[in-house]
Amino acid sequence: MSSEYQTAETLDVKGQSCPMPIVKTKQAIDDLQAGDVLEVVATDSGSMSDIQGWADGTDGVELLEQVEDGDLYTHYVKKTE
């Protein structure tokens, strides 16, 4: 796991498959302030491409990093506006 990000919240979506990690990530991001970083922890390998695609196509968010550690996928998403 990366420790370089000051995360405002950690979202645990382990055991959930598409589209729930994206749905829950969007809901959590909406509740944060601009500049906050959301850590999303998932077990769905599809979350790597799903969250990347969602962040690329969504204004106001930036995908900072994705970390794959065995069967655990951690995403760091920053709310930019």
C-alpha atoms as a PDB file:
ATOM      1  CA  MET A   1       0.000   0.000   0.000  1.00  0.00           C
ATOM      2  CA  SER A   2       1.072   3.510  -0.671  1.00  0.00           C
ATOM      3  CA  SER A   3       1.575   5.850   2.239  1.00  0.00           C
ATOM      4  CA  GLU A   4       2.307   8.962   0.209  1.00  0.00           C
ATOM      5  CA  TYR A   5      -1.334  10.062   0.112  1.00  0.00           C
ATOM      6  CA  GLN A   6      -3.174  11.712   2.978  1.00  0.00           C
ATOM      7  CA  THR A   7      -6.513   9.958   2.570  1.00  0.00           C
ATOM      8  CA  ALA A   8      -9.692  11.602   3.791  1.00  0.00           C
ATOM      9  CA  GLU A   9     -11.645   8.340   3.717  1.00  0.00           C
ATOM     10  CA  THR A  10     -11.199   4.644   2.972  1.00  0.00           C
ATOM     11  CA  LEU A  11     -13.923   2.868   1.027  1.00  0.00           C
ATOM     12  CA  ASP A  12     -14.026  -0.911   1.473  1.00  0.00           C
ATOM     13  CA  VAL A  13     -15.678  -2.614  -1.510  1.00  0.00           C
ATOM     14  CA  LYS A  14     -14.019  -5.994  -1.010  1.00  0.00           C
ATOM     15  CA  GLY A  15     -16.201  -8.857  -2.230  1.00  0.00           C
ATOM     16  CA  GLN A  16     -18.251  -6.607  -4.513  1.00  0.00           C
ATOM     17  CA  SER A  17     -18.130  -6.858  -8.285  1.00  0.00           C
ATOM     18  CA  CYS A  18     -18.906  -4.471 -11.126  1.00  0.00           C
ATOM     19  CA  PRO A  19     -20.637  -2.070 -11.066  1.00  0.00           C
ATOM     20  CA  MET A  20     -20.741  -1.670  -7.267  1.00  0.00           C
ATOM     21  CA  PRO A  21     -17.124  -0.506  -6.743  1.00  0.00           C
ATOM     22  CA  ILE A  22     -17.753   2.328  -9.241  1.00  0.00           C
ATOM     23  CA  VAL A  23     -21.184   3.199  -7.810  1.00  0.00           C
ATOM     24  CA  LYS A  24     -19.850   3.328  -4.247  1.00  0.00           C
ATOM     25  CA  THR A  25     -16.731   5.260  -5.316  1.00  0.00           C
ATOM     26  CA  LYS A  26     -18.851   7.924  -7.001  1.00  0.00           C
ATOM     27  CA  GLN A  27     -21.099   8.214  -3.929  1.00  0.00           C
ATOM     28  CA  ALA A  28     -18.093   8.542  -1.618  1.00  0.00           C
ATOM     29  CA  ILE A  29     -16.342  11.107  -3.850  1.00  0.00           C
ATOM     30  CA  ASP A  30     -19.511  13.223  -3.947  1.00  0.00           C
ATOM     31  CA  ASP A  31     -19.348  13.517  -0.139  1.00  0.00           C
ATOM     32  CA  LEU A  32     -15.732  14.738  -0.074  1.00  0.00           C
ATOM     33  CA  GLN A  33     -14.271  18.227  -0.361  1.00  0.00           C
ATOM     34  CA  ALA A  34     -12.088  19.379  -3.262  1.00  0.00           C
ATOM     35  CA  GLY A  35      -8.527  18.211  -2.672  1.00  0.00           C
ATOM     36  CA  ASP A  36      -9.534  15.181  -0.601  1.00  0.00           C
ATOM     37  CA  VAL A  37      -8.190  11.753  -1.540  1.00  0.00           C
ATOM     38  CA  LEU A  38     -10.358   8.641  -1.364  1.00  0.00           C
ATOM     39  CA  GLU A  39      -8.709   5.261  -0.865  1.00  0.00           C
ATOM     40  CA  VAL A  40     -10.765   2.459  -2.443  1.00  0.00           C
ATOM     41  CA  VAL A  41      -9.939  -1.134  -1.470  1.00  0.00           C
ATOM     42  CA  ALA A  42     -11.365  -3.836  -3.742  1.00  0.00           C
ATOM     43  CA  THR A  43     -10.980  -7.546  -4.502  1.00  0.00           C
ATOM     44  CA  ASP A  44     -12.451  -7.364  -8.019  1.00  0.00           C
ATOM     45  CA  SER A  45      -9.598  -7.376 -10.555  1.00  0.00           C
ATOM     46  CA  GLY A  46     -11.919  -5.583 -12.988  1.00  0.00           C
ATOM     47  CA  SER A  47     -11.875  -2.584 -10.673  1.00  0.00           C
ATOM     48  CA  MET A  48      -8.429  -1.685 -12.073  1.00  0.00           C
ATOM     49  CA  SER A  49      -9.793  -0.895 -15.537  1.00  0.00           C
ATOM     50  CA  ASP A  50     -13.254   0.145 -14.312  1.00  0.00           C
ATOM     51  CA  ILE A  51     -12.032   2.843 -11.925  1.00  0.00           C
ATOM     52  CA  GLN A  52      -9.404   4.014 -14.440  1.00  0.00           C
ATOM     53  CA  GLY A  53     -12.081   4.406 -17.121  1.00  0.00           C
ATOM     54  CA  TRP A  54     -14.511   6.099 -14.751  1.00  0.00           C
ATOM     55  CA  ALA A  55     -11.880   8.586 -13.552  1.00  0.00           C
ATOM     56  CA  ASP A  56     -10.742   9.343 -17.127  1.00  0.00           C
ATOM     57  CA  GLY A  57     -14.311  10.110 -18.161  1.00  0.00           C
ATOM     58  CA  THR A  58     -15.407  12.018 -15.073  1.00  0.00           C
ATOM     59  CA  ASP A  59     -14.795  15.717 -14.522  1.00  0.00           C
ATOM     60  CA  GLY A  60     -13.673  16.672 -11.020  1.00  0.00           C
ATOM     61  CA  VAL A  61     -11.733  13.509 -10.187  1.00  0.00           C
ATOM     62  CA  GLU A  62      -8.175  12.342 -10.774  1.00  0.00           C
ATOM     63  CA  LEU A  63      -6.876   8.801 -10.381  1.00  0.00           C
ATOM     64  CA  LEU A  64      -3.577   9.213  -8.544  1.00  0.00           C
ATOM     65  CA  GLU A  65      -2.438   5.604  -8.267  1.00  0.00           C
ATOM     66  CA  GLN A  66      -3.557   1.991  -8.384  1.00  0.00           C
ATOM     67  CA  VAL A  67      -1.765  -0.700  -6.383  1.00  0.00           C
ATOM     68  CA  GLU A  68      -2.183  -4.425  -6.999  1.00  0.00           C
ATOM     69  CA  ASP A  69      -1.143  -6.610  -4.068  1.00  0.00           C
ATOM     70  CA  GLY A  70      -2.121 -10.225  -4.705  1.00  0.00           C
ATOM     71  CA  ASP A  71      -5.922 -10.317  -4.702  1.00  0.00           C
ATOM     72  CA  LEU A  72      -6.233  -6.815  -3.233  1.00  0.00           C
ATOM     73  CA  TYR A  73      -6.587  -3.741  -5.457  1.00  0.00           C
ATOM     74  CA  THR A  74      -6.183  -0.294  -3.916  1.00  0.00           C
ATOM     75  CA  HIS A  75      -7.092   2.871  -5.797  1.00  0.00           C
ATOM     76  CA  TYR A  76      -6.343   6.472  -4.798  1.00  0.00           C
ATOM     77  CA  VAL A  77      -8.823   8.943  -6.257  1.00  0.00           C
ATOM     78  CA  LYS A  78      -8.585  12.689  -5.678  1.00  0.00           C
ATOM     79  CA  LYS A  79     -11.564  15.036  -5.859  1.00  0.00           C
ATOM     80  CA  THR A  80     -10.307  18.028  -7.834  1.00  0.00           C
ATOM     81  CA  GLU A  81     -13.353  20.302  -7.784  1.00  0.00           C
END
